[in-house]
C-alpha atoms as a PDB file:
ATOM      1  CA  MET A   1       6.787  24.315   5.320  1.00  0.00           C
ATOM      2  CA  LYS A   2       6.465  26.137   1.990  1.00  0.00           C
ATOM      3  CA  TYR A   3       5.988  22.983  -0.133  1.00  0.00           C
ATOM      4  CA  ILE A   4       3.013  21.874   1.965  1.00  0.00           C
ATOM      5  CA  GLN A   5       1.321  25.239   1.417  1.00  0.00           C
ATOM      6  CA  ASN A   6       2.067  25.095  -2.317  1.00  0.00           C
ATOM      7  CA  ILE A   7       0.266  21.759  -2.563  1.00  0.00           C
ATOM      8  CA  GLY A   8      -2.683  23.264  -0.724  1.00  0.00           C
ATOM      9  CA  ASP A   9      -2.744  26.272  -3.028  1.00  0.00           C
ATOM     10  CA  ILE A  10      -2.586  24.053  -6.122  1.00  0.00           C
ATOM     11  CA  ILE A  11      -5.405  21.857  -4.845  1.00  0.00           C
ATOM     12  CA  LYS A  12      -7.553  24.878  -3.995  1.00  0.00           C
ATOM     13  CA  TYR A  13      -6.931  26.381  -7.450  1.00  0.00           C
ATOM     14  CA  HIS A  14      -7.884  23.152  -9.235  1.00  0.00           C
ATOM     15  CA  ARG A  15     -10.921  22.638  -7.005  1.00  0.00           C
ATOM     16  CA  LYS A  16     -12.237  26.112  -7.771  1.00  0.00           C
ATOM     17  CA  LYS A  17     -11.561  25.788 -11.516  1.00  0.00           C
ATOM     18  CA  ALA A  18     -13.497  22.499 -11.424  1.00  0.00           C
ATOM     19  CA  GLY A  19     -16.402  24.323  -9.770  1.00  0.00           C
ATOM     20  CA  LEU A  20     -16.272  22.105  -6.693  1.00  0.00           C
ATOM     21  CA  SER A  21     -16.967  23.030  -3.101  1.00  0.00           C
ATOM     22  CA  GLN A  22     -14.719  21.598  -0.412  1.00  0.00           C
ATOM     23  CA  LYS A  23     -17.553  19.228   0.508  1.00  0.00           C
ATOM     24  CA  ALA A  24     -18.014  18.061  -3.090  1.00  0.00           C
ATOM     25  CA  LEU A  25     -14.277  17.414  -3.475  1.00  0.00           C
ATOM     26  CA  ALA A  26     -14.206  15.569  -0.161  1.00  0.00           C
ATOM     27  CA  ASP A  27     -17.085  13.366  -1.307  1.00  0.00           C
ATOM     28  CA  ILE A  28     -15.370  12.560  -4.608  1.00  0.00           C
ATOM     29  CA  ALA A  29     -12.065  11.821  -2.840  1.00  0.00           C
ATOM     30  CA  GLY A  30     -13.740   9.740  -0.129  1.00  0.00           C
ATOM     31  CA  ILE A  31     -12.485  11.894   2.742  1.00  0.00           C
ATOM     32  CA  GLY A  32     -13.952  14.400   5.180  1.00  0.00           C
ATOM     33  CA  LYS A  33     -14.518  18.067   4.317  1.00  0.00           C
ATOM     34  CA  THR A  34     -12.252  19.089   7.201  1.00  0.00           C
ATOM     35  CA  ILE A  35      -9.361  17.252   5.558  1.00  0.00           C
ATOM     36  CA  VAL A  36      -9.793  19.251   2.340  1.00  0.00           C
ATOM     37  CA  PHE A  37      -9.851  22.445   4.421  1.00  0.00           C
ATOM     38  CA  ASP A  38      -6.690  21.340   6.272  1.00  0.00           C
ATOM     39  CA  ILE A  39      -4.878  20.505   3.023  1.00  0.00           C
ATOM     40  CA  GLU A  40      -5.763  23.863   1.490  1.00  0.00           C
ATOM     41  CA  LYS A  41      -4.535  25.664   4.620  1.00  0.00           C
ATOM     42  CA  GLY A  42      -1.198  23.811   4.488  1.00  0.00           C
ATOM     43  CA  LYS A  43      -1.659  21.788   7.669  1.00  0.00           C
ATOM     44  CA  GLU A  44       1.371  19.527   7.956  1.00  0.00           C
ATOM     45  CA  THR A  45      -0.307  16.650   9.799  1.00  0.00           C
ATOM     46  CA  VAL A  46      -2.681  15.578   7.009  1.00  0.00           C
ATOM     47  CA  GLN A  47      -2.160  11.952   6.039  1.00  0.00           C
ATOM     48  CA  PHE A  48      -0.351  11.456   2.749  1.00  0.00           C
ATOM     49  CA  LYS A  49      -3.042   9.004   1.605  1.00  0.00           C
ATOM     50  CA  SER A  50      -5.659  11.752   1.970  1.00  0.00           C
ATOM     51  CA  ILE A  51      -3.587  14.117  -0.159  1.00  0.00           C
ATOM     52  CA  ILE A  52      -3.162  11.393  -2.797  1.00  0.00           C
ATOM     53  CA  ASN A  53      -6.931  10.792  -2.848  1.00  0.00           C
ATOM     54  CA  VAL A  54      -7.567  14.502  -3.421  1.00  0.00           C
ATOM     55  CA  LEU A  55      -4.930  14.712  -6.148  1.00  0.00           C
ATOM     56  CA  LYS A  56      -6.481  11.715  -7.918  1.00  0.00           C
ATOM     57  CA  ALA A  57      -9.956  13.249  -7.639  1.00  0.00           C
ATOM     58  CA  LEU A  58      -8.655  16.421  -9.308  1.00  0.00           C
ATOM     59  CA  ASN A  59      -6.618  14.509 -11.918  1.00  0.00           C
ATOM     60  CA  ILE A  60      -3.337  16.001 -10.654  1.00  0.00           C
ATOM     61  CA  ASN A  61      -0.198  13.895 -11.115  1.00  0.00           C
ATOM     62  CA  ILE A  62       2.880  13.969  -8.917  1.00  0.00           C
ATOM     63  CA  LEU A  63       6.251  14.068 -10.649  1.00  0.00           C
ATOM     64  CA  LEU A  64       9.229  12.996  -8.577  1.00  0.00           C
ATOM     65  CA  ASN A  65      12.452  14.644  -9.622  1.00  0.00           C
ATOM     66  CA  SER A  66      16.002  14.368  -8.340  1.00  0.00           C
ATOM     67  CA  PRO A  67      19.529  14.152  -9.740  1.00  0.00           C
ATOM     68  CA  LEU A  68      19.290  10.346  -9.401  1.00  0.00           C
ATOM     69  CA  MET A  69      15.931   9.791 -11.109  1.00  0.00           C
ATOM     70  CA  ASP A  70      17.401   8.985 -14.536  1.00  0.00           C
ATOM     71  CA  LYS A  71      19.639   6.327 -12.977  1.00  0.00           C
ATOM     72  CA  TYR A  72      16.757   4.963 -10.899  1.00  0.00           C
ATOM     73  CA  ASN A  73      14.527   4.727 -13.980  1.00  0.00           C
ATOM     74  CA  GLN A  74      17.245   2.925 -15.952  1.00  0.00           C
ATOM     75  CA  GLU A  75      17.798   0.419 -13.165  1.00  0.00           C
ATOM     76  CA  HIS A  76      14.067  -0.229 -12.719  1.00  0.00           C
ATOM     77  CA  GLU A  77      12.746  -0.050 -16.293  1.00  0.00           C
ATOM     78  CA  ASN A  78      12.328  -3.853 -16.546  1.00  0.00           C
ATOM     79  CA  SER A  79      10.922  -4.368 -13.056  1.00  0.00           C
END
């Protein structure tokens, strides 16, 4: 799936710009080095929680976007 690979490419780019090895990123994110490798290679079976941990470690935010997001945000702004 193309989107999975894009996430891996983005993570790899940010990791390298931060001067981190896969092992160092894994340590910061609290996951195994193999998981970082799998994410960067676009493996589709990586747990979502692991991806979230890596994104947090790299200070990358996820933005959800759809035609219904404005309506959703209006309905949930006081929740």
